[in-house]
Amino acid sequence: MARRKSRSKPAPKKRLLEKLDKVFSCPFCNHMYGVECVIDMKLRIGSAECCICDAHYSTKINRLTEPIDIYSEWIDECERVNNAEEEEVF
């Protein structure tokens, strides 16, 4: 007796993941696409640097860190410093 053919299911469609940006606008000179984020996994350091005004920021990273995370931390740090300066004035 012959076996019945098994019905194979079609392969699931692959999701296309959107790639995240690695280049952002500078918070100091407001130049579009002036800040480039670089991740060094060996040293576990992420850095963001503006190629126009040479402003830079470095932070410790883990294996899940993306360039957008480094840029967001830089923006948060700028806001924290600005708020601290405003509190000193009053």
PDB file of N, CA and C in Angstrom:
ATOM      1  N   MET A   1       0.828  -1.161   0.000  1.00  0.00           N
ATOM      2  CA  MET A   1       0.000   0.000   0.000  1.00  0.00           C
ATOM      3  C   MET A   1       0.887   1.244   0.000  1.00  0.00           C
ATOM      4  N   ALA A   2       0.422   2.235  -0.699  1.00  0.00           N
ATOM      5  CA  ALA A   2       1.178   3.481  -0.803  1.00  0.00           C
ATOM      6  C   ALA A   2       0.765   4.455   0.292  1.00  0.00           C
ATOM      7  N   ARG A   3       1.701   5.302   0.644  1.00  0.00           N
ATOM      8  CA  ARG A   3       1.386   6.329   1.637  1.00  0.00           C
ATOM      9  C   ARG A   3       0.693   7.494   0.970  1.00  0.00           C
ATOM     10  N   ARG A   4      -0.062   8.209   1.763  1.00  0.00           N
ATOM     11  CA  ARG A   4      -0.688   9.424   1.256  1.00  0.00           C
ATOM     12  C   ARG A   4       0.334  10.539   1.256  1.00  0.00           C
ATOM     13  N   LYS A   5       0.196  11.415   0.308  1.00  0.00           N
ATOM     14  CA  LYS A   5       1.090  12.562   0.260  1.00  0.00           C
ATOM     15  C   LYS A   5       0.743  13.509   1.396  1.00  0.00           C
ATOM     16  N   SER A   6       1.770  13.949   2.099  1.00  0.00           N
ATOM     17  CA  SER A   6       1.516  14.921   3.157  1.00  0.00           C
ATOM     18  C   SER A   6       1.436  16.302   2.526  1.00  0.00           C
ATOM     19  N   ARG A   7       0.557  17.083   3.031  1.00  0.00           N
ATOM     20  CA  ARG A   7       0.400  18.446   2.518  1.00  0.00           C
ATOM     21  C   ARG A   7       1.346  19.359   3.282  1.00  0.00           C
ATOM     22  N   SER A   8       2.306  19.868   2.581  1.00  0.00           N
ATOM     23  CA  SER A   8       3.241  20.772   3.241  1.00  0.00           C
ATOM     24  C   SER A   8       2.674  22.183   3.202  1.00  0.00           C
ATOM     25  N   LYS A   9       2.863  22.879   4.293  1.00  0.00           N
ATOM     26  CA  LYS A   9       2.386  24.250   4.385  1.00  0.00           C
ATOM     27  C   LYS A   9       3.383  25.159   3.675  1.00  0.00           C
ATOM     28  N   PRO A  10       2.878  26.208   3.051  1.00  0.00           N
ATOM     29  CA  PRO A  10       3.808  27.129   2.402  1.00  0.00           C
ATOM     30  C   PRO A  10       4.662  27.848   3.456  1.00  0.00           C
ATOM     31  N   ALA A  11       5.868  28.167   3.070  1.00  0.00           N
ATOM     32  CA  ALA A  11       6.780  28.843   3.995  1.00  0.00           C
ATOM     33  C   ALA A  11       6.217  30.207   4.371  1.00  0.00           C
ATOM     34  N   PRO A  12       6.360  30.602   5.637  1.00  0.00           N
ATOM     35  CA  PRO A  12       5.846  31.913   6.042  1.00  0.00           C
ATOM     36  C   PRO A  12       6.633  33.033   5.355  1.00  0.00           C
ATOM     37  N   LYS A  13       5.926  34.120   5.085  1.00  0.00           N
ATOM     38  CA  LYS A  13       6.580  35.252   4.444  1.00  0.00           C
ATOM     39  C   LYS A  13       7.530  35.923   5.432  1.00  0.00           C
ATOM     40  N   LYS A  14       8.684  36.319   4.929  1.00  0.00           N
ATOM     41  CA  LYS A  14       9.652  36.994   5.776  1.00  0.00           C
ATOM     42  C   LYS A  14       9.239  38.450   5.950  1.00  0.00           C
ATOM     43  N   ARG A  15       9.347  38.913   7.168  1.00  0.00           N
ATOM     44  CA  ARG A  15       9.053  40.314   7.437  1.00  0.00           C
ATOM     45  C   ARG A  15      10.260  41.153   7.039  1.00  0.00           C
ATOM     46  N   LEU A  16       9.985  42.233   6.390  1.00  0.00           N
ATOM     47  CA  LEU A  16      11.057  43.147   6.057  1.00  0.00           C
ATOM     48  C   LEU A  16      11.212  44.140   7.206  1.00  0.00           C
ATOM     49  N   LEU A  17      12.330  44.065   7.899  1.00  0.00           N
ATOM     50  CA  LEU A  17      12.582  44.966   9.005  1.00  0.00           C
ATOM     51  C   LEU A  17      13.163  46.260   8.472  1.00  0.00           C
ATOM     52  N   GLU A  18      12.620  47.350   8.949  1.00  0.00           N
ATOM     53  CA  GLU A  18      13.146  48.642   8.546  1.00  0.00           C
ATOM     54  C   GLU A  18      14.473  48.867   9.234  1.00  0.00           C
ATOM     55  N   LYS A  19      15.451  49.303   8.483  1.00  0.00           N
ATOM     56  CA  LYS A  19      16.751  49.586   9.072  1.00  0.00           C
ATOM     57  C   LYS A  19      16.694  50.926   9.781  1.00  0.00           C
ATOM     58  N   LEU A  20      17.293  50.963  10.951  1.00  0.00           N
ATOM     59  CA  LEU A  20      17.312  52.185  11.738  1.00  0.00           C
ATOM     60  C   LEU A  20      18.414  53.106  11.238  1.00  0.00           C
ATOM     61  N   ASP A  21      18.217  54.398  11.452  1.00  0.00           N
ATOM     62  CA  ASP A  21      19.191  55.382  11.005  1.00  0.00           C
ATOM     63  C   ASP A  21      20.476  55.279  11.812  1.00  0.00           C
ATOM     64  N   LYS A  22      21.581  55.660  11.177  1.00  0.00           N
ATOM     65  CA  LYS A  22      22.868  55.767  11.846  1.00  0.00           C
ATOM     66  C   LYS A  22      23.372  57.203  11.804  1.00  0.00           C
ATOM     67  N   VAL A  23      22.677  58.068  11.070  1.00  0.00           N
ATOM     68  CA  VAL A  23      23.083  59.460  10.901  1.00  0.00           C
ATOM     69  C   VAL A  23      21.903  60.340  11.318  1.00  0.00           C
ATOM     70  N   PHE A  24      22.202  61.377  12.140  1.00  0.00           N
ATOM     71  CA  PHE A  24      21.154  62.213  12.705  1.00  0.00           C
ATOM     72  C   PHE A  24      21.514  63.681  12.587  1.00  0.00           C
ATOM     73  N   SER A  25      20.586  64.559  13.011  1.00  0.00           N
ATOM     74  CA  SER A  25      20.863  65.992  13.003  1.00  0.00           C
ATOM     75  C   SER A  25      21.557  66.375  14.308  1.00  0.00           C
ATOM     76  N   CYS A  26      22.434  67.365  14.226  1.00  0.00           N
ATOM     77  CA  CYS A  26      23.235  67.789  15.368  1.00  0.00           C
ATOM     78  C   CYS A  26      22.407  68.684  16.297  1.00  0.00           C
ATOM     79  N   PRO A  27      22.451  68.454  17.622  1.00  0.00           N
ATOM     80  CA  PRO A  27      21.705  69.304  18.544  1.00  0.00           C
ATOM     81  C   PRO A  27      22.339  70.685  18.737  1.00  0.00           C
ATOM     82  N   PHE A  28      23.585  70.866  18.337  1.00  0.00           N
ATOM     83  CA  PHE A  28      24.264  72.138  18.543  1.00  0.00           C
ATOM     84  C   PHE A  28      24.250  73.017  17.294  1.00  0.00           C
ATOM     85  N   CYS A  29      24.606  72.450  16.130  1.00  0.00           N
ATOM     86  CA  CYS A  29      24.651  73.269  14.916  1.00  0.00           C
ATOM     87  C   CYS A  29      23.419  73.069  14.033  1.00  0.00           C
ATOM     88  N   ASN A  30      22.519  72.141  14.398  1.00  0.00           N
ATOM     89  CA  ASN A  30      21.283  71.850  13.663  1.00  0.00           C
ATOM     90  C   ASN A  30      21.513  71.477  12.206  1.00  0.00           C
ATOM     91  N   HIS A  31      22.669  70.937  11.901  1.00  0.00           N
ATOM     92  CA  HIS A  31      22.954  70.495  10.537  1.00  0.00           C
ATOM     93  C   HIS A  31      22.334  69.110  10.343  1.00  0.00           C
ATOM     94  N   MET A  32      21.531  68.989   9.294  1.00  0.00           N
ATOM     95  CA  MET A  32      20.894  67.706   9.008  1.00  0.00           C
ATOM     96  C   MET A  32      21.953  66.687   8.617  1.00  0.00           C
ATOM     97  N   TYR A  33      21.838  65.500   9.140  1.00  0.00           N
ATOM     98  CA  TYR A  33      22.738  64.393   8.836  1.00  0.00           C
ATOM     99  C   TYR A  33      24.194  64.721   9.160  1.00  0.00           C
ATOM    100  N   GLY A  34      24.426  65.487  10.215  1.00  0.00           N
ATOM    101  CA  GLY A  34      25.777  65.845  10.606  1.00  0.00           C
ATOM    102  C   GLY A  34      26.363  64.904  11.647  1.00  0.00           C
ATOM    103  N   VAL A  35      25.507  64.207  12.406  1.00  0.00           N
ATOM    104  CA  VAL A  35      25.975  63.345  13.484  1.00  0.00           C
ATOM    105  C   VAL A  35      25.963  61.894  13.017  1.00  0.00           C
ATOM    106  N   GLU A  36      27.108  61.243  13.184  1.00  0.00           N
ATOM    107  CA  GLU A  36      27.222  59.830  12.834  1.00  0.00           C
ATOM    108  C   GLU A  36      27.510  59.050  14.103  1.00  0.00           C
ATOM    109  N   CYS A  37      26.782  57.971  14.308  1.00  0.00           N
ATOM    110  CA  CYS A  37      26.969  57.134  15.491  1.00  0.00           C
ATOM    111  C   CYS A  37      27.769  55.894  15.120  1.00  0.00           C
ATOM    112  N   VAL A  38      28.773  55.604  15.942  1.00  0.00           N
ATOM    113  CA  VAL A  38      29.644  54.456  15.708  1.00  0.00           C
ATOM    114  C   VAL A  38      29.625  53.596  16.970  1.00  0.00           C
ATOM    115  N   ILE A  39      29.524  52.274  16.777  1.00  0.00           N
ATOM    116  CA  ILE A  39      29.489  51.343  17.895  1.00  0.00           C
ATOM    117  C   ILE A  39      30.723  50.451  17.825  1.00  0.00           C
ATOM    118  N   ASP A  40      31.483  50.410  18.924  1.00  0.00           N
ATOM    119  CA  ASP A  40      32.654  49.543  19.025  1.00  0.00           C
ATOM    120  C   ASP A  40      32.343  48.458  20.051  1.00  0.00           C
ATOM    121  N   MET A  41      32.022  47.262  19.563  1.00  0.00           N
ATOM    122  CA  MET A  41      31.608  46.181  20.450  1.00  0.00           C
ATOM    123  C   MET A  41      32.770  45.608  21.246  1.00  0.00           C
ATOM    124  N   LYS A  42      34.001  45.687  20.731  1.00  0.00           N
ATOM    125  CA  LYS A  42      35.145  45.172  21.480  1.00  0.00           C
ATOM    126  C   LYS A  42      35.375  45.982  22.745  1.00  0.00           C
ATOM    127  N   LEU A  43      35.331  47.299  22.620  1.00  0.00           N
ATOM    128  CA  LEU A  43      35.553  48.175  23.776  1.00  0.00           C
ATOM    129  C   LEU A  43      34.264  48.493  24.514  1.00  0.00           C
ATOM    130  N   ARG A  44      33.119  48.116  23.928  1.00  0.00           N
ATOM    131  CA  ARG A  44      31.786  48.391  24.487  1.00  0.00           C
ATOM    132  C   ARG A  44      31.567  49.888  24.694  1.00  0.00           C
ATOM    133  N   ILE A  45      31.933  50.643  23.666  1.00  0.00           N
ATOM    134  CA  ILE A  45      31.747  52.089  23.693  1.00  0.00           C
ATOM    135  C   ILE A  45      31.002  52.502  22.436  1.00  0.00           C
ATOM    136  N   GLY A  46      29.995  53.337  22.622  1.00  0.00           N
ATOM    137  CA  GLY A  46      29.274  53.916  21.500  1.00  0.00           C
ATOM    138  C   GLY A  46      29.547  55.403  21.476  1.00  0.00           C
ATOM    139  N   SER A  47      29.779  55.941  20.287  1.00  0.00           N
ATOM    140  CA  SER A  47      30.076  57.372  20.211  1.00  0.00           C
ATOM    141  C   SER A  47      29.268  58.005  19.088  1.00  0.00           C
ATOM    142  N   ALA A  48      28.921  59.261  19.316  1.00  0.00           N
ATOM    143  CA  ALA A  48      28.217  60.063  18.321  1.00  0.00           C
ATOM    144  C   ALA A  48      29.038  61.327  18.126  1.00  0.00           C
ATOM    145  N   GLU A  49      29.330  61.668  16.870  1.00  0.00           N
ATOM    146  CA  GLU A  49      30.172  62.832  16.595  1.00  0.00           C
ATOM    147  C   GLU A  49      29.623  63.592  15.398  1.00  0.00           C
ATOM    148  N   CYS A  50      29.592  64.923  15.535  1.00  0.00           N
ATOM    149  CA  CYS A  50      29.161  65.787  14.444  1.00  0.00           C
ATOM    150  C   CYS A  50      30.371  66.095  13.568  1.00  0.00           C
ATOM    151  N   CYS A  51      30.219  65.907  12.280  1.00  0.00           N
ATOM    152  CA  CYS A  51      31.336  66.171  11.366  1.00  0.00           C
ATOM    153  C   CYS A  51      31.426  67.657  11.012  1.00  0.00           C
ATOM    154  N   ILE A  52      30.431  68.458  11.373  1.00  0.00           N
ATOM    155  CA  ILE A  52      30.436  69.889  11.066  1.00  0.00           C
ATOM    156  C   ILE A  52      31.049  70.690  12.217  1.00  0.00           C
ATOM    157  N   CYS A  53      30.511  70.532  13.428  1.00  0.00           N
ATOM    158  CA  CYS A  53      30.975  71.349  14.560  1.00  0.00           C
ATOM    159  C   CYS A  53      31.854  70.577  15.540  1.00  0.00           C
ATOM    160  N   ASP A  54      32.173  69.331  15.273  1.00  0.00           N
ATOM    161  CA  ASP A  54      33.043  68.480  16.094  1.00  0.00           C
ATOM    162  C   ASP A  54      32.524  68.240  17.510  1.00  0.00           C
ATOM    163  N   ALA A  55      31.244  68.379  17.737  1.00  0.00           N
ATOM    164  CA  ALA A  55      30.660  68.009  19.021  1.00  0.00           C
ATOM    165  C   ALA A  55      30.616  66.486  19.079  1.00  0.00           C
ATOM    166  N   HIS A  56      30.879  65.917  20.253  1.00  0.00           N
ATOM    167  CA  HIS A  56      30.890  64.466  20.363  1.00  0.00           C
ATOM    168  C   HIS A  56      30.353  64.018  21.714  1.00  0.00           C
ATOM    169  N   TYR A  57      29.927  62.749  21.754  1.00  0.00           N
ATOM    170  CA  TYR A  57      29.391  62.144  22.965  1.00  0.00           C
ATOM    171  C   TYR A  57      29.736  60.666  22.936  1.00  0.00           C
ATOM    172  N   SER A  58      30.174  60.122  24.069  1.00  0.00           N
ATOM    173  CA  SER A  58      30.494  58.698  24.181  1.00  0.00           C
ATOM    174  C   SER A  58      29.777  58.125  25.390  1.00  0.00           C
ATOM    175  N   THR A  59      29.415  56.859  25.285  1.00  0.00           N
ATOM    176  CA  THR A  59      28.729  56.188  26.379  1.00  0.00           C
ATOM    177  C   THR A  59      29.039  54.702  26.339  1.00  0.00           C
ATOM    178  N   LYS A  60      28.814  54.034  27.464  1.00  0.00           N
ATOM    179  CA  LYS A  60      28.977  52.585  27.518  1.00  0.00           C
ATOM    180  C   LYS A  60      27.758  51.935  26.869  1.00  0.00           C
ATOM    181  N   ILE A  61      27.978  50.802  26.209  1.00  0.00           N
ATOM    182  CA  ILE A  61      26.889  50.124  25.513  1.00  0.00           C
ATOM    183  C   ILE A  61      26.846  48.660  25.922  1.00  0.00           C
ATOM    184  N   ASN A  62      25.769  48.005  25.537  1.00  0.00           N
ATOM    185  CA  ASN A  62      25.664  46.554  25.672  1.00  0.00           C
ATOM    186  C   ASN A  62      25.373  45.985  24.288  1.00  0.00           C
ATOM    187  N   ARG A  63      25.133  44.697  24.211  1.00  0.00           N
ATOM    188  CA  ARG A  63      24.978  44.074  22.898  1.00  0.00           C
ATOM    189  C   ARG A  63      23.661  44.418  22.206  1.00  0.00           C
ATOM    190  N   LEU A  64      22.718  44.989  22.935  1.00  0.00           N
ATOM    191  CA  LEU A  64      21.432  45.356  22.353  1.00  0.00           C
ATOM    192  C   LEU A  64      21.362  46.815  21.909  1.00  0.00           C
ATOM    193  N   THR A  65      22.397  47.575  22.169  1.00  0.00           N
ATOM    194  CA  THR A  65      22.393  49.003  21.875  1.00  0.00           C
ATOM    195  C   THR A  65      22.444  49.258  20.375  1.00  0.00           C
ATOM    196  N   GLU A  66      21.623  50.189  19.920  1.00  0.00           N
ATOM    197  CA  GLU A  66      21.587  50.616  18.524  1.00  0.00           C
ATOM    198  C   GLU A  66      22.039  52.069  18.447  1.00  0.00           C
ATOM    199  N   PRO A  67      22.395  52.560  17.252  1.00  0.00           N
ATOM    200  CA  PRO A  67      22.820  53.961  17.120  1.00  0.00           C
ATOM    201  C   PRO A  67      21.779  54.966  17.602  1.00  0.00           C
ATOM    202  N   ILE A  68      20.502  54.678  17.422  1.00  0.00           N
ATOM    203  CA  ILE A  68      19.458  55.594  17.878  1.00  0.00           C
ATOM    204  C   ILE A  68      19.473  55.725  19.395  1.00  0.00           C
ATOM    205  N   ASP A  69      19.870  54.657  20.107  1.00  0.00           N
ATOM    206  CA  ASP A  69      19.953  54.708  21.560  1.00  0.00           C
ATOM    207  C   ASP A  69      21.059  55.662  22.014  1.00  0.00           C
ATOM    208  N   ILE A  70      22.187  55.637  21.320  1.00  0.00           N
ATOM    209  CA  ILE A  70      23.305  56.525  21.658  1.00  0.00           C
ATOM    210  C   ILE A  70      22.894  57.973  21.423  1.00  0.00           C
ATOM    211  N   TYR A  71      22.262  58.240  20.296  1.00  0.00           N
ATOM    212  CA  TYR A  71      21.823  59.602  19.975  1.00  0.00           C
ATOM    213  C   TYR A  71      20.779  60.078  20.991  1.00  0.00           C
ATOM    214  N   SER A  72      19.849  59.216  21.378  1.00  0.00           N
ATOM    215  CA  SER A  72      18.819  59.587  22.347  1.00  0.00           C
ATOM    216  C   SER A  72      19.431  59.910  23.704  1.00  0.00           C
ATOM    217  N   GLU A  73      20.432  59.126  24.113  1.00  0.00           N
ATOM    218  CA  GLU A  73      21.111  59.417  25.380  1.00  0.00           C
ATOM    219  C   GLU A  73      21.818  60.765  25.316  1.00  0.00           C
ATOM    220  N   TRP A  74      22.395  61.091  24.162  1.00  0.00           N
ATOM    221  CA  TRP A  74      23.080  62.377  23.999  1.00  0.00           C
ATOM    222  C   TRP A  74      22.087  63.533  24.135  1.00  0.00           C
ATOM    223  N   ILE A  75      20.936  63.411  23.499  1.00  0.00           N
ATOM    224  CA  ILE A  75      19.902  64.443  23.579  1.00  0.00           C
ATOM    225  C   ILE A  75      19.412  64.573  25.021  1.00  0.00           C
ATOM    226  N   ASP A  76      19.191  63.453  25.708  1.00  0.00           N
ATOM    227  CA  ASP A  76      18.751  63.493  27.104  1.00  0.00           C
ATOM    228  C   ASP A  76      19.788  64.169  27.990  1.00  0.00           C
ATOM    229  N   GLU A  77      21.061  63.877  27.747  1.00  0.00           N
ATOM    230  CA  GLU A  77      22.133  64.493  28.534  1.00  0.00           C
ATOM    231  C   GLU A  77      22.193  65.995  28.290  1.00  0.00           C
ATOM    232  N   CYS A  78      21.998  66.438  27.054  1.00  0.00           N
ATOM    233  CA  CYS A  78      21.975  67.871  26.744  1.00  0.00           C
ATOM    234  C   CYS A  78      20.834  68.564  27.478  1.00  0.00           C
ATOM    235  N   GLU A  79      19.653  67.939  27.486  1.00  0.00           N
ATOM    236  CA  GLU A  79      18.510  68.518  28.183  1.00  0.00           C
ATOM    237  C   GLU A  79      18.748  68.571  29.691  1.00  0.00           C
ATOM    238  N   ARG A  80      19.380  67.521  30.244  1.00  0.00           N
ATOM    239  CA  ARG A  80      19.652  67.492  31.675  1.00  0.00           C
ATOM    240  C   ARG A  80      20.617  68.610  32.070  1.00  0.00           C
ATOM    241  N   VAL A  81      21.650  68.818  31.265  1.00  0.00           N
ATOM    242  CA  VAL A  81      22.618  69.883  31.547  1.00  0.00           C
ATOM    243  C   VAL A  81      21.956  71.250  31.424  1.00  0.00           C
ATOM    244  N   ASN A  82      21.128  71.451  30.407  1.00  0.00           N
ATOM    245  CA  ASN A  82      20.444  72.734  30.231  1.00  0.00           C
ATOM    246  C   ASN A  82      19.485  73.023  31.381  1.00  0.00           C
ATOM    247  N   ASN A  83      18.773  72.009  31.856  1.00  0.00           N
ATOM    248  CA  ASN A  83      17.863  72.199  32.993  1.00  0.00           C
ATOM    249  C   ASN A  83      18.629  72.498  34.266  1.00  0.00           C
ATOM    250  N   ALA A  84      19.799  71.891  34.450  1.00  0.00           N
ATOM    251  CA  ALA A  84      20.607  72.157  35.634  1.00  0.00           C
ATOM    252  C   ALA A  84      21.115  73.586  35.625  1.00  0.00           C
ATOM    253  N   GLU A  85      21.480  74.102  34.459  1.00  0.00           N
ATOM    254  CA  GLU A  85      21.945  75.486  34.346  1.00  0.00           C
ATOM    255  C   GLU A  85      20.818  76.471  34.635  1.00  0.00           C
ATOM    256  N   GLU A  86      19.605  76.158  34.203  1.00  0.00           N
ATOM    257  CA  GLU A  86      18.455  77.035  34.463  1.00  0.00           C
ATOM    258  C   GLU A  86      18.138  77.079  35.950  1.00  0.00           C
ATOM    259  N   GLU A  87      18.265  75.971  36.643  1.00  0.00           N
ATOM    260  CA  GLU A  87      17.985  75.935  38.077  1.00  0.00           C
ATOM    261  C   GLU A  87      19.023  76.736  38.860  1.00  0.00           C
ATOM    262  N   GLU A  88      20.270  76.764  38.398  1.00  0.00           N
ATOM    263  CA  GLU A  88      21.313  77.530  39.082  1.00  0.00           C
ATOM    264  C   GLU A  88      21.057  79.025  38.967  1.00  0.00           C
ATOM    265  N   VAL A  89      20.480  79.475  37.860  1.00  0.00           N
ATOM    266  CA  VAL A  89      20.233  80.891  37.649  1.00  0.00           C
ATOM    267  C   VAL A  89      19.177  81.395  38.624  1.00  0.00           C
ATOM    268  N   PHE A  90      18.149  80.593  38.866  1.00  0.00           N
ATOM    269  CA  PHE A  90      17.064  81.030  39.745  1.00  0.00           C
ATOM    270  C   PHE A  90      17.454  80.743  41.136  1.00  0.00           C
TER     271      PHE A  90
END
